[in-house]
mmCIF file of all heavy atoms, coordinates in Angstrom:
data_MODEL
# 
_entry.id   MODEL 
# 
loop_
_atom_site.group_PDB 
_atom_site.id 
_atom_site.type_symbol 
_atom_site.label_atom_id 
_atom_site.label_alt_id 
_atom_site.label_comp_id 
_atom_site.label_asym_id 
_atom_site.label_entity_id 
_atom_site.label_seq_id 
_atom_site.pdbx_PDB_ins_code 
_atom_site.Cartn_x 
_atom_site.Cartn_y 
_atom_site.Cartn_z 
_atom_site.occupancy 
_atom_site.B_iso_or_equiv 
_atom_site.pdbx_formal_charge 
_atom_site.auth_seq_id 
_atom_site.auth_comp_id 
_atom_site.auth_asym_id 
_atom_site.auth_atom_id 
_atom_site.pdbx_PDB_model_num 
ATOM 1   N N   . VAL A 1 1  ? -178.149 -163.490 -12.465 1.00 0.00 ? 1  VAL A N   1 
ATOM 2   C CA  . VAL A 1 1  ? -176.760 -163.169 -12.795 1.00 0.00 ? 1  VAL A CA  1 
ATOM 3   C C   . VAL A 1 1  ? -176.744 -162.551 -14.191 1.00 0.00 ? 1  VAL A C   1 
ATOM 4   O O   . VAL A 1 1  ? -177.328 -163.102 -15.119 1.00 0.00 ? 1  VAL A O   1 
ATOM 5   C CB  . VAL A 1 1  ? -175.869 -164.421 -12.755 1.00 0.00 ? 1  VAL A CB  1 
ATOM 6   C CG1 . VAL A 1 1  ? -174.439 -164.064 -13.166 1.00 0.00 ? 1  VAL A CG1 1 
ATOM 7   C CG2 . VAL A 1 1  ? -175.875 -165.056 -11.372 1.00 0.00 ? 1  VAL A CG2 1 
ATOM 8   N N   . ARG A 1 2  ? -176.092 -161.424 -14.341 1.00 0.00 ? 2  ARG A N   1 
ATOM 9   C CA  . ARG A 1 2  ? -176.048 -160.749 -15.632 1.00 0.00 ? 2  ARG A CA  1 
ATOM 10  C C   . ARG A 1 2  ? -174.659 -160.177 -15.894 1.00 0.00 ? 2  ARG A C   1 
ATOM 11  O O   . ARG A 1 2  ? -173.861 -160.009 -14.968 1.00 0.00 ? 2  ARG A O   1 
ATOM 12  C CB  . ARG A 1 2  ? -177.081 -159.626 -15.680 1.00 0.00 ? 2  ARG A CB  1 
ATOM 13  C CG  . ARG A 1 2  ? -176.877 -158.539 -14.621 1.00 0.00 ? 2  ARG A CG  1 
ATOM 14  C CD  . ARG A 1 2  ? -177.951 -157.473 -14.679 1.00 0.00 ? 2  ARG A CD  1 
ATOM 15  N NE  . ARG A 1 2  ? -177.881 -156.531 -13.583 1.00 0.00 ? 2  ARG A NE  1 
ATOM 16  C CZ  . ARG A 1 2  ? -177.114 -155.453 -13.557 1.00 0.00 ? 2  ARG A CZ  1 
ATOM 17  N NH1 . ARG A 1 2  ? -176.329 -155.173 -14.605 1.00 0.00 ? 2  ARG A NH1 1 
ATOM 18  N NH2 . ARG A 1 2  ? -177.128 -154.640 -12.512 1.00 0.00 ? 2  ARG A NH2 1 
ATOM 19  N N   . GLN A 1 3  ? -174.381 -159.896 -17.144 1.00 0.00 ? 3  GLN A N   1 
ATOM 20  C CA  . GLN A 1 3  ? -173.129 -159.225 -17.492 1.00 0.00 ? 3  GLN A CA  1 
ATOM 21  C C   . GLN A 1 3  ? -173.226 -157.771 -17.075 1.00 0.00 ? 3  GLN A C   1 
ATOM 22  O O   . GLN A 1 3  ? -174.206 -157.094 -17.384 1.00 0.00 ? 3  GLN A O   1 
ATOM 23  C CB  . GLN A 1 3  ? -172.883 -159.324 -18.988 1.00 0.00 ? 3  GLN A CB  1 
ATOM 24  C CG  . GLN A 1 3  ? -171.604 -158.623 -19.445 1.00 0.00 ? 3  GLN A CG  1 
ATOM 25  C CD  . GLN A 1 3  ? -171.396 -158.755 -20.941 1.00 0.00 ? 3  GLN A CD  1 
ATOM 26  O OE1 . GLN A 1 3  ? -171.280 -159.849 -21.467 1.00 0.00 ? 3  GLN A OE1 1 
ATOM 27  N NE2 . GLN A 1 3  ? -171.353 -157.627 -21.641 1.00 0.00 ? 3  GLN A NE2 1 
ATOM 28  N N   . TYR A 1 4  ? -172.203 -157.296 -16.375 1.00 0.00 ? 4  TYR A N   1 
ATOM 29  C CA  . TYR A 1 4  ? -172.213 -155.924 -15.881 1.00 0.00 ? 4  TYR A CA  1 
ATOM 30  C C   . TYR A 1 4  ? -171.351 -155.003 -16.724 1.00 0.00 ? 4  TYR A C   1 
ATOM 31  O O   . TYR A 1 4  ? -171.709 -153.848 -16.959 1.00 0.00 ? 4  TYR A O   1 
ATOM 32  C CB  . TYR A 1 4  ? -171.729 -155.897 -14.427 1.00 0.00 ? 4  TYR A CB  1 
ATOM 33  C CG  . TYR A 1 4  ? -171.805 -154.536 -13.781 1.00 0.00 ? 4  TYR A CG  1 
ATOM 34  C CD1 . TYR A 1 4  ? -173.013 -154.043 -13.314 1.00 0.00 ? 4  TYR A CD1 1 
ATOM 35  C CD2 . TYR A 1 4  ? -170.668 -153.748 -13.637 1.00 0.00 ? 4  TYR A CD2 1 
ATOM 36  C CE1 . TYR A 1 4  ? -173.106 -152.788 -12.724 1.00 0.00 ? 4  TYR A CE1 1 
ATOM 37  C CE2 . TYR A 1 4  ? -170.736 -152.498 -13.053 1.00 0.00 ? 4  TYR A CE2 1 
ATOM 38  C CZ  . TYR A 1 4  ? -171.954 -152.018 -12.591 1.00 0.00 ? 4  TYR A CZ  1 
ATOM 39  O OH  . TYR A 1 4  ? -172.038 -150.773 -12.014 1.00 0.00 ? 4  TYR A OH  1 
ATOM 40  N N   . PHE A 1 5  ? -170.204 -155.510 -17.195 1.00 0.00 ? 5  PHE A N   1 
ATOM 41  C CA  . PHE A 1 5  ? -169.264 -154.643 -17.912 1.00 0.00 ? 5  PHE A CA  1 
ATOM 42  C C   . PHE A 1 5  ? -168.426 -155.489 -18.853 1.00 0.00 ? 5  PHE A C   1 
ATOM 43  O O   . PHE A 1 5  ? -167.881 -156.522 -18.465 1.00 0.00 ? 5  PHE A O   1 
ATOM 44  C CB  . PHE A 1 5  ? -168.366 -153.914 -16.920 1.00 0.00 ? 5  PHE A CB  1 
ATOM 45  C CG  . PHE A 1 5  ? -167.433 -152.903 -17.541 1.00 0.00 ? 5  PHE A CG  1 
ATOM 46  C CD1 . PHE A 1 5  ? -167.865 -151.616 -17.821 1.00 0.00 ? 5  PHE A CD1 1 
ATOM 47  C CD2 . PHE A 1 5  ? -166.130 -153.237 -17.833 1.00 0.00 ? 5  PHE A CD2 1 
ATOM 48  C CE1 . PHE A 1 5  ? -167.004 -150.684 -18.393 1.00 0.00 ? 5  PHE A CE1 1 
ATOM 49  C CE2 . PHE A 1 5  ? -165.259 -152.322 -18.395 1.00 0.00 ? 5  PHE A CE2 1 
ATOM 50  C CZ  . PHE A 1 5  ? -165.705 -151.035 -18.674 1.00 0.00 ? 5  PHE A CZ  1 
ATOM 51  N N   . ASP A 1 6  ? -168.327 -155.056 -20.110 1.00 0.00 ? 6  ASP A N   1 
ATOM 52  C CA  . ASP A 1 6  ? -167.537 -155.758 -21.120 1.00 0.00 ? 6  ASP A CA  1 
ATOM 53  C C   . ASP A 1 6  ? -166.425 -154.822 -21.592 1.00 0.00 ? 6  ASP A C   1 
ATOM 54  O O   . ASP A 1 6  ? -166.693 -153.825 -22.267 1.00 0.00 ? 6  ASP A O   1 
ATOM 55  C CB  . ASP A 1 6  ? -168.413 -156.162 -22.300 1.00 0.00 ? 6  ASP A CB  1 
ATOM 56  C CG  . ASP A 1 6  ? -167.634 -156.935 -23.363 1.00 0.00 ? 6  ASP A CG  1 
ATOM 57  O OD1 . ASP A 1 6  ? -166.417 -157.160 -23.174 1.00 0.00 ? 6  ASP A OD1 1 
ATOM 58  O OD2 . ASP A 1 6  ? -168.235 -157.305 -24.377 1.00 0.00 ? 6  ASP A OD2 1 
ATOM 59  N N   . PRO A 1 7  ? -165.174 -155.105 -21.246 1.00 0.00 ? 7  PRO A N   1 
ATOM 60  C CA  . PRO A 1 7  ? -164.083 -154.182 -21.614 1.00 0.00 ? 7  PRO A CA  1 
ATOM 61  C C   . PRO A 1 7  ? -163.863 -154.068 -23.113 1.00 0.00 ? 7  PRO A C   1 
ATOM 62  O O   . PRO A 1 7  ? -163.330 -153.072 -23.592 1.00 0.00 ? 7  PRO A O   1 
ATOM 63  C CB  . PRO A 1 7  ? -162.864 -154.790 -20.914 1.00 0.00 ? 7  PRO A CB  1 
ATOM 64  C CG  . PRO A 1 7  ? -163.209 -156.231 -20.751 1.00 0.00 ? 7  PRO A CG  1 
ATOM 65  C CD  . PRO A 1 7  ? -164.680 -156.268 -20.506 1.00 0.00 ? 7  PRO A CD  1 
ATOM 66  N N   . THR A 1 8  ? -164.267 -155.080 -23.884 1.00 0.00 ? 8  THR A N   1 
ATOM 67  C CA  . THR A 1 8  ? -164.052 -155.013 -25.330 1.00 0.00 ? 8  THR A CA  1 
ATOM 68  C C   . THR A 1 8  ? -164.962 -153.984 -25.990 1.00 0.00 ? 8  THR A C   1 
ATOM 69  O O   . THR A 1 8  ? -164.765 -153.635 -27.152 1.00 0.00 ? 8  THR A O   1 
ATOM 70  C CB  . THR A 1 8  ? -164.311 -156.385 -25.976 1.00 0.00 ? 8  THR A CB  1 
ATOM 71  O OG1 . THR A 1 8  ? -165.680 -156.779 -25.739 1.00 0.00 ? 8  THR A OG1 1 
ATOM 72  C CG2 . THR A 1 8  ? -163.400 -157.436 -25.387 1.00 0.00 ? 8  THR A CG2 1 
ATOM 73  N N   . ALA A 1 9  ? -165.960 -153.489 -25.252 1.00 0.00 ? 9  ALA A N   1 
ATOM 74  C CA  . ALA A 1 9  ? -166.874 -152.498 -25.811 1.00 0.00 ? 9  ALA A CA  1 
ATOM 75  C C   . ALA A 1 9  ? -166.340 -151.076 -25.715 1.00 0.00 ? 9  ALA A C   1 
ATOM 76  O O   . ALA A 1 9  ? -166.959 -150.139 -26.207 1.00 0.00 ? 9  ALA A O   1 
ATOM 77  C CB  . ALA A 1 9  ? -168.227 -152.580 -25.098 1.00 0.00 ? 9  ALA A CB  1 
ATOM 78  N N   . ILE A 1 10 ? -165.181 -150.901 -25.078 1.00 0.00 ? 10 ILE A N   1 
ATOM 79  C CA  . ILE A 1 10 ? -164.606 -149.563 -24.936 1.00 0.00 ? 10 ILE A CA  1 
ATOM 80  C C   . ILE A 1 10 ? -163.972 -149.152 -26.259 1.00 0.00 ? 10 ILE A C   1 
ATOM 81  O O   . ILE A 1 10 ? -163.028 -149.782 -26.733 1.00 0.00 ? 10 ILE A O   1 
ATOM 82  C CB  . ILE A 1 10 ? -163.554 -149.527 -23.812 1.00 0.00 ? 10 ILE A CB  1 
ATOM 83  C CG1 . ILE A 1 10 ? -164.188 -149.937 -22.481 1.00 0.00 ? 10 ILE A CG1 1 
ATOM 84  C CG2 . ILE A 1 10 ? -162.941 -148.145 -23.700 1.00 0.00 ? 10 ILE A CG2 1 
ATOM 85  C CD1 . ILE A 1 10 ? -163.204 -150.016 -21.350 1.00 0.00 ? 10 ILE A CD1 1 
ATOM 86  N N   . ALA A 1 11 ? -164.467 -148.092 -26.849 1.00 0.00 ? 11 ALA A N   1 
ATOM 87  C CA  . ALA A 1 11 ? -163.982 -147.645 -28.154 1.00 0.00 ? 11 ALA A CA  1 
ATOM 88  C C   . ALA A 1 11 ? -162.586 -147.028 -28.045 1.00 0.00 ? 11 ALA A C   1 
ATOM 89  O O   . ALA A 1 11 ? -162.287 -146.308 -27.106 1.00 0.00 ? 11 ALA A O   1 
ATOM 90  C CB  . ALA A 1 11 ? -164.958 -146.627 -28.743 1.00 0.00 ? 11 ALA A CB  1 
ATOM 91  N N   . GLY A 1 12 ? -161.737 -147.336 -29.018 1.00 0.00 ? 12 GLY A N   1 
ATOM 92  C CA  . GLY A 1 12 ? -160.423 -146.701 -29.097 1.00 0.00 ? 12 GLY A CA  1 
ATOM 93  C C   . GLY A 1 12 ? -159.349 -147.344 -28.257 1.00 0.00 ? 12 GLY A C   1 
ATOM 94  O O   . GLY A 1 12 ? -158.224 -146.856 -28.197 1.00 0.00 ? 12 GLY A O   1 
ATOM 95  N N   . PHE A 1 13 ? -159.670 -148.458 -27.595 1.00 0.00 ? 13 PHE A N   1 
ATOM 96  C CA  . PHE A 1 13 ? -158.667 -149.105 -26.752 1.00 0.00 ? 13 PHE A CA  1 
ATOM 97  C C   . PHE A 1 13 ? -158.530 -150.566 -27.133 1.00 0.00 ? 13 PHE A C   1 
ATOM 98  O O   . PHE A 1 13 ? -159.487 -151.223 -27.554 1.00 0.00 ? 13 PHE A O   1 
ATOM 99  C CB  . PHE A 1 13 ? -159.040 -148.987 -25.281 1.00 0.00 ? 13 PHE A CB  1 
ATOM 100 C CG  . PHE A 1 13 ? -158.862 -147.607 -24.723 1.00 0.00 ? 13 PHE A CG  1 
ATOM 101 C CD1 . PHE A 1 13 ? -159.900 -146.696 -24.747 1.00 0.00 ? 13 PHE A CD1 1 
ATOM 102 C CD2 . PHE A 1 13 ? -157.648 -147.212 -24.185 1.00 0.00 ? 13 PHE A CD2 1 
ATOM 103 C CE1 . PHE A 1 13 ? -159.743 -145.421 -24.251 1.00 0.00 ? 13 PHE A CE1 1 
ATOM 104 C CE2 . PHE A 1 13 ? -157.475 -145.932 -23.684 1.00 0.00 ? 13 PHE A CE2 1 
ATOM 105 C CZ  . PHE A 1 13 ? -158.524 -145.036 -23.716 1.00 0.00 ? 13 PHE A CZ  1 
ATOM 106 N N   . ASN A 1 14 ? -157.320 -151.057 -26.994 1.00 0.00 ? 14 ASN A N   1 
ATOM 107 C CA  . ASN A 1 14 ? -157.041 -152.459 -27.236 1.00 0.00 ? 14 ASN A CA  1 
ATOM 108 C C   . ASN A 1 14 ? -156.784 -153.118 -25.888 1.00 0.00 ? 14 ASN A C   1 
ATOM 109 O O   . ASN A 1 14 ? -155.885 -152.714 -25.158 1.00 0.00 ? 14 ASN A O   1 
ATOM 110 C CB  . ASN A 1 14 ? -155.805 -152.617 -28.138 1.00 0.00 ? 14 ASN A CB  1 
ATOM 111 C CG  . ASN A 1 14 ? -155.332 -154.051 -28.195 1.00 0.00 ? 14 ASN A CG  1 
ATOM 112 O OD1 . ASN A 1 14 ? -156.111 -154.933 -28.520 1.00 0.00 ? 14 ASN A OD1 1 
ATOM 113 N ND2 . ASN A 1 14 ? -154.066 -154.272 -27.883 1.00 0.00 ? 14 ASN A ND2 1 
ATOM 114 N N   . LEU A 1 15 ? -157.588 -154.100 -25.531 1.00 0.00 ? 15 LEU A N   1 
ATOM 115 C CA  . LEU A 1 15 ? -157.439 -154.744 -24.234 1.00 0.00 ? 15 LEU A CA  1 
ATOM 116 C C   . LEU A 1 15 ? -157.037 -156.195 -24.407 1.00 0.00 ? 15 LEU A C   1 
ATOM 117 O O   . LEU A 1 15 ? -157.593 -156.917 -25.239 1.00 0.00 ? 15 LEU A O   1 
ATOM 118 C CB  . LEU A 1 15 ? -158.748 -154.675 -23.432 1.00 0.00 ? 15 LEU A CB  1 
ATOM 119 C CG  . LEU A 1 15 ? -159.118 -153.294 -22.907 1.00 0.00 ? 15 LEU A CG  1 
ATOM 120 C CD1 . LEU A 1 15 ? -160.028 -152.598 -23.893 1.00 0.00 ? 15 LEU A CD1 1 
ATOM 121 C CD2 . LEU A 1 15 ? -159.793 -153.412 -21.562 1.00 0.00 ? 15 LEU A CD2 1 
ATOM 122 N N   . ASN A 1 16 ? -156.071 -156.606 -23.626 1.00 0.00 ? 16 ASN A N   1 
ATOM 123 C CA  . ASN A 1 16 ? -155.743 -158.018 -23.522 1.00 0.00 ? 16 ASN A CA  1 
ATOM 124 C C   . ASN A 1 16 ? -156.764 -158.621 -22.566 1.00 0.00 ? 16 ASN A C   1 
ATOM 125 O O   . ASN A 1 16 ? -156.555 -158.683 -21.374 1.00 0.00 ? 16 ASN A O   1 
ATOM 126 C CB  . ASN A 1 16 ? -154.323 -158.204 -23.001 1.00 0.00 ? 16 ASN A CB  1 
ATOM 127 C CG  . ASN A 1 16 ? -153.969 -159.666 -22.849 1.00 0.00 ? 16 ASN A CG  1 
ATOM 128 O OD1 . ASN A 1 16 ? -154.613 -160.532 -23.430 1.00 0.00 ? 16 ASN A OD1 1 
ATOM 129 N ND2 . ASN A 1 16 ? -152.925 -159.933 -22.078 1.00 0.00 ? 16 ASN A ND2 1 
ATOM 130 N N   . VAL A 1 17 ? -157.905 -159.009 -23.109 1.00 0.00 ? 17 VAL A N   1 
ATOM 131 C CA  . VAL A 1 17 ? -159.048 -159.355 -22.273 1.00 0.00 ? 17 VAL A CA  1 
ATOM 132 C C   . VAL A 1 17 ? -158.722 -160.551 -21.388 1.00 0.00 ? 17 VAL A C   1 
ATOM 133 O O   . VAL A 1 17 ? -158.264 -161.581 -21.848 1.00 0.00 ? 17 VAL A O   1 
ATOM 134 C CB  . VAL A 1 17 ? -160.281 -159.656 -23.141 1.00 0.00 ? 17 VAL A CB  1 
ATOM 135 C CG1 . VAL A 1 17 ? -161.448 -160.078 -22.268 1.00 0.00 ? 17 VAL A CG1 1 
ATOM 136 C CG2 . VAL A 1 17 ? -160.644 -158.428 -23.946 1.00 0.00 ? 17 VAL A CG2 1 
ATOM 137 N N   . GLY A 1 18 ? -158.961 -160.402 -20.129 1.00 0.00 ? 18 GLY A N   1 
ATOM 138 C CA  . GLY A 1 18 ? -158.694 -161.446 -19.156 1.00 0.00 ? 18 GLY A CA  1 
ATOM 139 C C   . GLY A 1 18 ? -158.735 -160.849 -17.774 1.00 0.00 ? 18 GLY A C   1 
ATOM 140 O O   . GLY A 1 18 ? -159.003 -159.661 -17.587 1.00 0.00 ? 18 GLY A O   1 
ATOM 141 N N   . ASN A 1 19 ? -158.473 -161.686 -16.784 1.00 0.00 ? 19 ASN A N   1 
ATOM 142 C CA  . ASN A 1 19 ? -158.535 -161.204 -15.414 1.00 0.00 ? 19 ASN A CA  1 
ATOM 143 C C   . ASN A 1 19 ? -157.516 -160.103 -15.142 1.00 0.00 ? 19 ASN A C   1 
ATOM 144 O O   . ASN A 1 19 ? -157.714 -159.252 -14.282 1.00 0.00 ? 19 ASN A O   1 
ATOM 145 C CB  . ASN A 1 19 ? -158.324 -162.371 -14.449 1.00 0.00 ? 19 ASN A CB  1 
ATOM 146 C CG  . ASN A 1 19 ? -159.459 -163.395 -14.538 1.00 0.00 ? 19 ASN A CG  1 
ATOM 147 O OD1 . ASN A 1 19 ? -160.514 -163.093 -15.071 1.00 0.00 ? 19 ASN A OD1 1 
ATOM 148 N ND2 . ASN A 1 19 ? -159.218 -164.581 -14.038 1.00 0.00 ? 19 ASN A ND2 1 
ATOM 149 N N   . GLY A 1 20 ? -156.385 -160.122 -15.863 1.00 0.00 ? 20 GLY A N   1 
ATOM 150 C CA  . GLY A 1 20 ? -155.362 -159.114 -15.631 1.00 0.00 ? 20 GLY A CA  1 
ATOM 151 C C   . GLY A 1 20 ? -155.758 -157.723 -16.074 1.00 0.00 ? 20 GLY A C   1 
ATOM 152 O O   . GLY A 1 20 ? -155.156 -156.739 -15.672 1.00 0.00 ? 20 GLY A O   1 
ATOM 153 N N   . THR A 1 21 ? -156.798 -157.608 -16.927 1.00 0.00 ? 21 THR A N   1 
ATOM 154 C CA  . THR A 1 21 ? -157.257 -156.305 -17.374 1.00 0.00 ? 21 THR A CA  1 
ATOM 155 C C   . THR A 1 21 ? -157.891 -155.525 -16.229 1.00 0.00 ? 21 THR A C   1 
ATOM 156 O O   . THR A 1 21 ? -157.678 -154.338 -16.072 1.00 0.00 ? 21 THR A O   1 
ATOM 157 C CB  . THR A 1 21 ? -158.275 -156.477 -18.520 1.00 0.00 ? 21 THR A CB  1 
ATOM 158 O OG1 . THR A 1 21 ? -157.625 -157.125 -19.611 1.00 0.00 ? 21 THR A OG1 1 
ATOM 159 C CG2 . THR A 1 21 ? -158.808 -155.139 -18.979 1.00 0.00 ? 21 THR A CG2 1 
ATOM 160 N N   . PHE A 1 22 ? -158.672 -156.202 -15.401 1.00 0.00 ? 22 PHE A N   1 
ATOM 161 C CA  . PHE A 1 22 ? -159.370 -155.560 -14.299 1.00 0.00 ? 22 PHE A CA  1 
ATOM 162 C C   . PHE A 1 22 ? -158.451 -155.411 -13.089 1.00 0.00 ? 22 PHE A C   1 
ATOM 163 O O   . PHE A 1 22 ? -157.719 -156.323 -12.734 1.00 0.00 ? 22 PHE A O   1 
ATOM 164 C CB  . PHE A 1 22 ? -160.596 -156.380 -13.889 1.00 0.00 ? 22 PHE A CB  1 
ATOM 165 C CG  . PHE A 1 22 ? -161.725 -156.305 -14.880 1.00 0.00 ? 22 PHE A CG  1 
ATOM 166 C CD1 . PHE A 1 22 ? -161.862 -157.261 -15.869 1.00 0.00 ? 22 PHE A CD1 1 
ATOM 167 C CD2 . PHE A 1 22 ? -162.657 -155.274 -14.827 1.00 0.00 ? 22 PHE A CD2 1 
ATOM 168 C CE1 . PHE A 1 22 ? -162.880 -157.207 -16.785 1.00 0.00 ? 22 PHE A CE1 1 
ATOM 169 C CE2 . PHE A 1 22 ? -163.684 -155.210 -15.748 1.00 0.00 ? 22 PHE A CE2 1 
ATOM 170 C CZ  . PHE A 1 22 ? -163.805 -156.176 -16.725 1.00 0.00 ? 22 PHE A CZ  1 
ATOM 171 N N   . ARG A 1 23 ? -158.509 -154.248 -12.454 1.00 0.00 ? 23 ARG A N   1 
ATOM 172 C CA  . ARG A 1 23 ? -157.700 -154.002 -11.270 1.00 0.00 ? 23 ARG A CA  1 
ATOM 173 C C   . ARG A 1 23 ? -158.554 -153.742 -10.035 1.00 0.00 ? 23 ARG A C   1 
ATOM 174 O O   . ARG A 1 23 ? -158.170 -154.130 -8.933  1.00 0.00 ? 23 ARG A O   1 
ATOM 175 C CB  . ARG A 1 23 ? -156.773 -152.804 -11.510 1.00 0.00 ? 23 ARG A CB  1 
ATOM 176 C CG  . ARG A 1 23 ? -155.841 -152.973 -12.689 1.00 0.00 ? 23 ARG A CG  1 
ATOM 177 C CD  . ARG A 1 23 ? -154.914 -154.158 -12.533 1.00 0.00 ? 23 ARG A CD  1 
ATOM 178 N NE  . ARG A 1 23 ? -154.106 -154.346 -13.728 1.00 0.00 ? 23 ARG A NE  1 
ATOM 179 C CZ  . ARG A 1 23 ? -153.205 -155.305 -13.883 1.00 0.00 ? 23 ARG A CZ  1 
ATOM 180 N NH1 . ARG A 1 23 ? -153.006 -156.163 -12.922 1.00 0.00 ? 23 ARG A NH1 1 
ATOM 181 N NH2 . ARG A 1 23 ? -152.517 -155.416 -14.998 1.00 0.00 ? 23 ARG A NH2 1 
ATOM 182 N N   . HIS A 1 24 ? -159.711 -153.090 -10.214 1.00 0.00 ? 24 HIS A N   1 
ATOM 183 C CA  . HIS A 1 24 ? -160.511 -152.728 -9.046  1.00 0.00 ? 24 HIS A CA  1 
ATOM 184 C C   . HIS A 1 24 ? -161.885 -152.257 -9.496  1.00 0.00 ? 24 HIS A C   1 
ATOM 185 O O   . HIS A 1 24 ? -162.044 -151.754 -10.608 1.00 0.00 ? 24 HIS A O   1 
ATOM 186 C CB  . HIS A 1 24 ? -159.821 -151.607 -8.260  1.00 0.00 ? 24 HIS A CB  1 
ATOM 187 C CG  . HIS A 1 24 ? -160.470 -151.279 -6.951  1.00 0.00 ? 24 HIS A CG  1 
ATOM 188 N ND1 . HIS A 1 24 ? -160.174 -151.944 -5.786  1.00 0.00 ? 24 HIS A ND1 1 
ATOM 189 C CD2 . HIS A 1 24 ? -161.403 -150.366 -6.615  1.00 0.00 ? 24 HIS A CD2 1 
ATOM 190 C CE1 . HIS A 1 24 ? -160.873 -151.443 -4.790  1.00 0.00 ? 24 HIS A CE1 1 
ATOM 191 N NE2 . HIS A 1 24 ? -161.647 -150.480 -5.280  1.00 0.00 ? 24 HIS A NE2 1 
ATOM 192 N N   . ILE A 1 25 ? -162.877 -152.438 -8.640  1.00 0.00 ? 25 ILE A N   1 
ATOM 193 C CA  . ILE A 1 25 ? -164.194 -151.861 -8.851  1.00 0.00 ? 25 ILE A CA  1 
ATOM 194 C C   . ILE A 1 25 ? -164.650 -151.232 -7.546  1.00 0.00 ? 25 ILE A C   1 
ATOM 195 O O   . ILE A 1 25 ? -164.454 -151.803 -6.463  1.00 0.00 ? 25 ILE A O   1 
ATOM 196 C CB  . ILE A 1 25 ? -165.218 -152.903 -9.354  1.00 0.00 ? 25 ILE A CB  1 
ATOM 197 C CG1 . ILE A 1 25 ? -166.569 -152.220 -9.634  1.00 0.00 ? 25 ILE A CG1 1 
ATOM 198 C CG2 . ILE A 1 25 ? -165.364 -154.066 -8.390  1.00 0.00 ? 25 ILE A CG2 1 
ATOM 199 C CD1 . ILE A 1 25 ? -167.542 -153.090 -10.394 1.00 0.00 ? 25 ILE A CD1 1 
ATOM 200 N N   . SER A 1 26 ? -165.219 -150.045 -7.631  1.00 0.00 ? 26 SER A N   1 
ATOM 201 C CA  . SER A 1 26 ? -165.667 -149.352 -6.429  1.00 0.00 ? 26 SER A CA  1 
ATOM 202 C C   . SER A 1 26 ? -166.889 -150.056 -5.846  1.00 0.00 ? 26 SER A C   1 
ATOM 203 O O   . SER A 1 26 ? -167.624 -150.742 -6.563  1.00 0.00 ? 26 SER A O   1 
ATOM 204 C CB  . SER A 1 26 ? -166.014 -147.895 -6.751  1.00 0.00 ? 26 SER A CB  1 
ATOM 205 O OG  . SER A 1 26 ? -167.075 -147.831 -7.695  1.00 0.00 ? 26 SER A OG  1 
# 
């Protein structure tokens, strides 16, 4: 099991980190 994607690493964006941030993955 590994970390796949960290939204806080996206430059220039402010994310309310939590389940509500993610909507879908292909």
